Amino acid sequence: MNPAGNTILITGGGSGIGRELARRFHDAGNTVIVAGRRREPLEETIAGRVAMHAVTLDVEDPAAVTAFAAAVIRDHPALNVLVNNAGIMRIEDIGAARDLSDAEDTIVTNLLGPIRLSNAFVDHLSGRPDAAIVNVTSGLAFVPLVRTPTYSATKAALHSYTVALREQLRGRIEVIELAPPAVQTELTPGQSTRNGYLPLDAFIDEVMALFGGQPTPPEILVERVRGFRFAERDGRFDEAVRMVNAM
């Protein structure tokens, strides 16, 4: 992935990792489009910045995703990078029968959303130079947090989907996985100040340095997430599960 000269669409660009990625990619010399459910936080992301644009998006509606993609391609035909970053995280007690709305919402946003968006843009991206799709997963794709079982499962599924997507698109579109550790954002209430979580600025600094590698790694793994990513390979999986869930 080229570090500059791209037109990049980032979902979940109104806060947290999406917002800071958008600003850093813009600072590096890219045109950036941020998308999300609510217009106000998107406008805060792009405030005072030329060559940044905001578009609302509802990934729960397949027809809306198709219409969104058509509008973005019409207005930004140079688009060559899609970053599937939007996600939600819900605590769930799965020890008894319950209302499944949290689980279903999580699956739609975290898994169906990236699948729908990749499908909506793949033909366009296949015709663009230096095209890339970046899927944001999580360290919990590899070591689950038992209090957020559906979140962890969707990220594991997106990791697997990304591997398959990379192989099918090889030679046409570069496919990159970004797997964050626990980062100080507002993904869950109070997380932005939670002790032991990686400060957002430090995380983004490390991520941008990795994106600057030539060639770009197929997996963007900051140092703190590598223990999760390779826990099973290194025979540390059970230990890693205990450690994550004791935090």
Protein backbone atom coordinates (compact mmCIF):
# COMPACT_ATOMS: atom_id res chain seq x y z
CA MET A 1 0.00 0.00 0.00
CA ASN A 2 1.41 3.36 -1.00
CA PRO A 3 1.78 5.75 1.96
CA ALA A 4 0.55 8.79 0.00
CA GLY A 5 -1.45 9.76 -3.07
CA ASN A 6 -4.41 7.51 -2.31
CA THR A 7 -8.12 8.19 -1.96
CA ILE A 8 -9.10 6.26 1.17
CA LEU A 9 -12.53 5.41 2.59
CA ILE A 10 -12.55 4.65 6.34
CA THR A 11 -15.66 3.38 8.10
CA GLY A 12 -16.15 4.18 11.76
CA GLY A 13 -14.29 7.43 11.13
CA GLY A 14 -16.14 9.47 13.73
CA SER A 15 -14.16 8.34 16.76
CA GLY A 16 -11.30 6.28 18.15
CA ILE A 17 -9.02 4.33 15.85
CA GLY A 18 -10.98 5.29 12.71
CA ARG A 19 -10.77 9.01 13.43
CA GLU A 20 -7.05 8.96 14.17
CA LEU A 21 -6.22 6.76 11.19
CA ALA A 22 -8.17 9.17 8.97
CA ARG A 23 -6.27 12.18 10.26
CA ARG A 24 -2.87 10.50 10.00
CA PHE A 25 -3.50 9.24 6.47
CA HIS A 26 -4.67 12.74 5.55
CA ASP A 27 -1.53 14.26 7.08
CA ALA A 28 0.54 11.83 4.98
CA GLY A 29 -0.88 13.25 1.74
CA ASN A 30 -4.01 11.23 1.05
CA THR A 31 -7.59 12.23 0.27
CA VAL A 32 -9.74 10.66 2.99
CA ILE A 33 -13.46 9.94 3.18
CA VAL A 34 -14.85 9.03 6.61
CA ALA A 35 -18.12 7.17 7.01
CA GLY A 36 -20.34 6.36 9.96
CA ARG A 37 -23.88 6.37 11.27
CA ARG A 38 -23.92 9.90 12.71
CA ARG A 39 -22.98 13.03 10.79
CA GLU A 40 -21.85 15.18 13.73
CA PRO A 41 -18.79 13.14 14.83
CA LEU A 42 -17.75 12.74 11.20
CA GLU A 43 -17.80 16.52 10.77
CA GLU A 44 -15.62 16.81 13.89
CA THR A 45 -13.12 14.43 12.32
CA ILE A 46 -12.77 16.47 9.13
CA ALA A 47 -13.11 19.98 10.62
CA GLY A 48 -10.60 22.41 9.13
CA ARG A 49 -9.07 19.83 6.80
CA VAL A 50 -9.04 20.15 3.02
CA ALA A 51 -9.41 16.89 1.04
CA MET A 52 -11.36 15.20 3.82
CA HIS A 53 -15.00 14.29 3.30
CA ALA A 54 -17.79 12.82 5.44
CA VAL A 55 -20.57 10.48 4.33
CA THR A 56 -23.18 8.76 6.50
CA LEU A 57 -23.60 5.01 6.19
CA ASP A 58 -25.99 2.39 7.60
CA VAL A 59 -24.35 -1.04 7.22
CA GLU A 60 -27.47 -2.75 8.59
CA ASP A 61 -29.34 -2.13 5.33
CA PRO A 62 -27.88 -3.97 2.29
CA ALA A 63 -29.65 -1.62 -0.13
CA ALA A 64 -28.20 1.38 1.70
CA VAL A 65 -24.70 -0.09 1.39
CA THR A 66 -25.15 -0.51 -2.36
CA ALA A 67 -26.42 3.05 -2.73
CA PHE A 68 -23.62 4.37 -0.53
CA ALA A 69 -20.97 2.67 -2.64
CA ALA A 70 -22.44 4.00 -5.86
CA ALA A 71 -22.47 7.54 -4.47
CA VAL A 72 -18.89 7.35 -3.17
CA ILE A 73 -17.60 5.98 -6.49
CA ARG A 74 -19.50 8.70 -8.38
CA ASP A 75 -18.16 11.51 -6.18
CA HIS A 76 -14.66 10.06 -5.65
CA PRO A 77 -13.77 7.97 -8.71
CA ALA A 78 -10.09 7.90 -7.65
CA LEU A 79 -11.00 5.81 -4.58
CA ASN A 80 -8.46 3.01 -4.30
CA VAL A 81 -8.35 2.04 -0.60
CA LEU A 82 -11.17 0.74 1.62
CA VAL A 83 -10.60 0.50 5.39
CA ASN A 84 -13.29 -1.58 7.13
CA ASN A 85 -12.89 -0.24 10.65
CA ALA A 86 -16.40 0.23 12.07
CA GLY A 87 -17.21 -2.05 14.97
CA ILE A 88 -19.22 -2.42 18.17
CA MET A 89 -18.47 -4.37 21.35
CA ARG A 90 -21.17 -5.58 23.74
CA ILE A 91 -20.84 -7.49 27.01
CA GLU A 92 -23.01 -10.62 26.95
CA ASP A 93 -24.01 -13.28 29.47
CA ILE A 94 -24.43 -16.43 27.40
CA GLY A 95 -24.98 -18.80 30.33
CA ALA A 96 -28.75 -18.75 29.89
CA ALA A 97 -31.33 -18.01 27.20
CA ARG A 98 -31.47 -14.29 26.46
CA ASP A 99 -32.46 -11.58 24.01
CA LEU A 100 -30.04 -11.99 21.09
CA SER A 101 -30.26 -8.41 19.80
CA ASP A 102 -26.75 -7.51 21.03
CA ALA A 103 -25.25 -10.56 19.35
CA GLU A 104 -27.15 -9.96 16.12
CA ASP A 105 -26.21 -6.26 16.00
CA THR A 106 -22.57 -7.19 16.56
CA ILE A 107 -22.57 -9.71 13.73
CA VAL A 108 -24.18 -7.25 11.31
CA THR A 109 -21.78 -4.40 12.12
CA ASN A 110 -18.52 -6.28 12.65
CA LEU A 111 -18.79 -9.06 10.08
CA LEU A 112 -21.58 -8.46 7.57
CA GLY A 113 -20.60 -4.79 7.32
CA PRO A 114 -17.07 -5.46 6.01
CA ILE A 115 -18.34 -8.28 3.78
CA ARG A 116 -21.03 -6.04 2.27
CA LEU A 117 -18.68 -3.11 1.77
CA SER A 118 -15.90 -5.22 0.25
CA ASN A 119 -18.47 -6.72 -2.12
CA ALA A 120 -19.84 -3.29 -3.04
CA PHE A 121 -16.41 -1.86 -3.88
CA VAL A 122 -14.44 -4.85 -5.20
CA ASP A 123 -15.19 -4.30 -8.88
CA HIS A 124 -14.26 -0.63 -8.70
CA LEU A 125 -11.09 -1.29 -6.70
CA SER A 126 -10.02 -4.01 -9.13
CA GLY A 127 -9.71 -1.32 -11.79
CA ARG A 128 -7.73 1.15 -9.68
CA PRO A 129 -3.93 1.31 -9.37
CA ASP A 130 -2.41 0.47 -5.99
CA ALA A 131 -5.77 -0.72 -4.65
CA ALA A 132 -6.07 -2.10 -1.13
CA ILE A 133 -8.66 -3.35 1.37
CA VAL A 134 -7.77 -3.06 5.05
CA ASN A 135 -9.86 -5.06 7.53
CA VAL A 136 -9.58 -4.08 11.19
CA THR A 137 -9.90 -7.15 13.41
CA SER A 138 -8.60 -7.43 16.99
CA GLY A 139 -6.21 -9.30 19.23
CA LEU A 140 -9.41 -10.93 20.50
CA ALA A 141 -9.72 -12.66 17.14
CA PHE A 142 -6.96 -14.95 18.40
CA VAL A 143 -7.58 -14.99 22.18
CA PRO A 144 -11.25 -14.41 23.08
CA LEU A 145 -12.56 -12.23 25.88
CA VAL A 146 -15.30 -14.38 27.39
CA ARG A 147 -17.41 -11.37 28.45
CA THR A 148 -17.67 -10.31 24.80
CA PRO A 149 -18.13 -13.66 23.04
CA THR A 150 -19.85 -12.44 19.89
CA TYR A 151 -17.40 -9.57 19.41
CA SER A 152 -14.47 -11.98 19.70
CA ALA A 153 -16.17 -14.44 17.33
CA THR A 154 -16.85 -11.79 14.69
CA LYS A 155 -13.24 -10.68 14.75
CA ALA A 156 -12.05 -14.27 14.43
CA ALA A 157 -14.41 -14.71 11.48
CA LEU A 158 -13.20 -11.48 9.86
CA HIS A 159 -9.60 -12.67 10.23
CA SER A 160 -10.48 -15.87 8.39
CA TYR A 161 -12.44 -13.97 5.74
CA THR A 162 -9.49 -11.62 5.24
CA VAL A 163 -7.13 -14.54 4.59
CA ALA A 164 -9.51 -15.90 1.95
CA LEU A 165 -10.05 -12.46 0.43
CA ARG A 166 -6.30 -11.91 0.18
CA GLU A 167 -5.82 -15.11 -1.77
CA GLN A 168 -8.76 -14.54 -4.12
CA LEU A 169 -7.71 -10.95 -4.88
CA ARG A 170 -3.97 -11.62 -5.12
CA GLY A 171 -2.51 -9.64 -8.01
CA ARG A 172 -5.50 -7.29 -8.18
CA ILE A 173 -6.11 -5.77 -4.73
CA GLU A 174 -3.75 -5.81 -1.76
CA VAL A 175 -5.53 -7.12 1.36
CA ILE A 176 -4.22 -6.10 4.77
CA GLU A 177 -5.34 -7.01 8.28
CA LEU A 178 -4.92 -4.55 11.15
CA ALA A 179 -5.33 -6.27 14.53
CA PRO A 180 -5.32 -3.82 17.48
CA PRO A 181 -4.68 -4.83 21.08
CA ALA A 182 -6.67 -3.17 23.90
CA VAL A 183 -6.44 0.54 23.01
CA GLN A 184 -7.67 3.58 24.93
CA THR A 185 -10.77 4.47 22.88
CA GLU A 186 -14.48 4.72 23.67
CA LEU A 187 -15.29 1.35 22.13
CA THR A 188 -16.67 0.52 25.59
CA PRO A 189 -17.60 3.03 28.32
CA GLY A 190 -14.56 4.27 30.24
CA GLN A 191 -12.06 2.51 27.98
CA SER A 192 -10.32 5.71 26.90
CA THR A 193 -8.81 6.14 30.38
CA ARG A 194 -8.50 2.48 31.41
CA ASN A 195 -5.15 1.56 32.97
CA GLY A 196 -3.15 -1.02 31.07
CA TYR A 197 -4.66 -0.18 27.70
CA LEU A 198 -2.36 1.19 25.00
CA PRO A 199 -2.75 4.98 24.56
CA LEU A 200 -4.38 5.76 21.23
CA ASP A 201 -1.61 8.09 20.00
CA ALA A 202 1.08 5.50 20.74
CA PHE A 203 -0.92 2.84 18.92
CA ILE A 204 -1.43 5.02 15.85
CA ASP A 205 2.25 6.01 15.79
CA GLU A 206 3.25 2.35 15.63
CA VAL A 207 0.57 1.49 13.09
CA MET A 208 1.58 4.26 10.70
CA ALA A 209 5.21 3.20 10.91
CA LEU A 210 4.18 -0.34 9.93
CA PHE A 211 2.02 0.93 7.07
CA GLY A 212 5.11 2.78 5.84
CA GLY A 213 7.02 -0.47 5.38
CA GLN A 214 7.83 -1.52 1.84
CA PRO A 215 6.24 -3.84 1.09
CA THR A 216 3.41 -3.25 3.54
CA PRO A 217 3.03 -6.29 5.83
CA PRO A 218 -0.12 -8.35 5.17
CA GLU A 219 -0.82 -8.10 8.91
CA ILE A 220 -0.29 -4.83 10.80
CA LEU A 221 0.64 -6.03 14.29
CA VAL A 222 1.90 -3.61 16.91
CA GLU A 223 4.25 -5.13 19.45
CA ARG A 224 1.61 -5.43 22.16
CA VAL A 225 -0.72 -7.60 20.06
CA ARG A 226 1.86 -10.07 18.82
CA GLY A 227 1.55 -12.25 21.91
CA PHE A 228 -2.16 -12.70 21.15
CA ARG A 229 -1.62 -13.33 17.44
CA PHE A 230 0.93 -16.07 17.99
CA ALA A 231 -0.26 -17.51 21.32
CA GLU A 232 -1.55 -20.74 19.79
CA ARG A 233 1.51 -21.19 17.56
CA ASP A 234 3.80 -20.70 20.54
CA GLY A 235 1.91 -23.10 22.83
CA ARG A 236 0.69 -20.26 25.06
CA PHE A 237 -2.99 -20.21 24.17
CA ASP A 238 -4.45 -21.40 27.50
CA GLU A 239 -2.15 -19.03 29.38
CA ALA A 240 -3.16 -16.14 27.10
CA VAL A 241 -6.88 -16.87 27.63
CA ARG A 242 -6.38 -16.80 31.41
CA MET A 243 -4.36 -13.58 31.22
CA VAL A 244 -6.84 -11.72 28.97
CA ASN A 245 -9.82 -12.68 31.07
CA ALA A 246 -8.13 -11.80 34.36
CA MET A 247 -7.61 -8.20 33.27
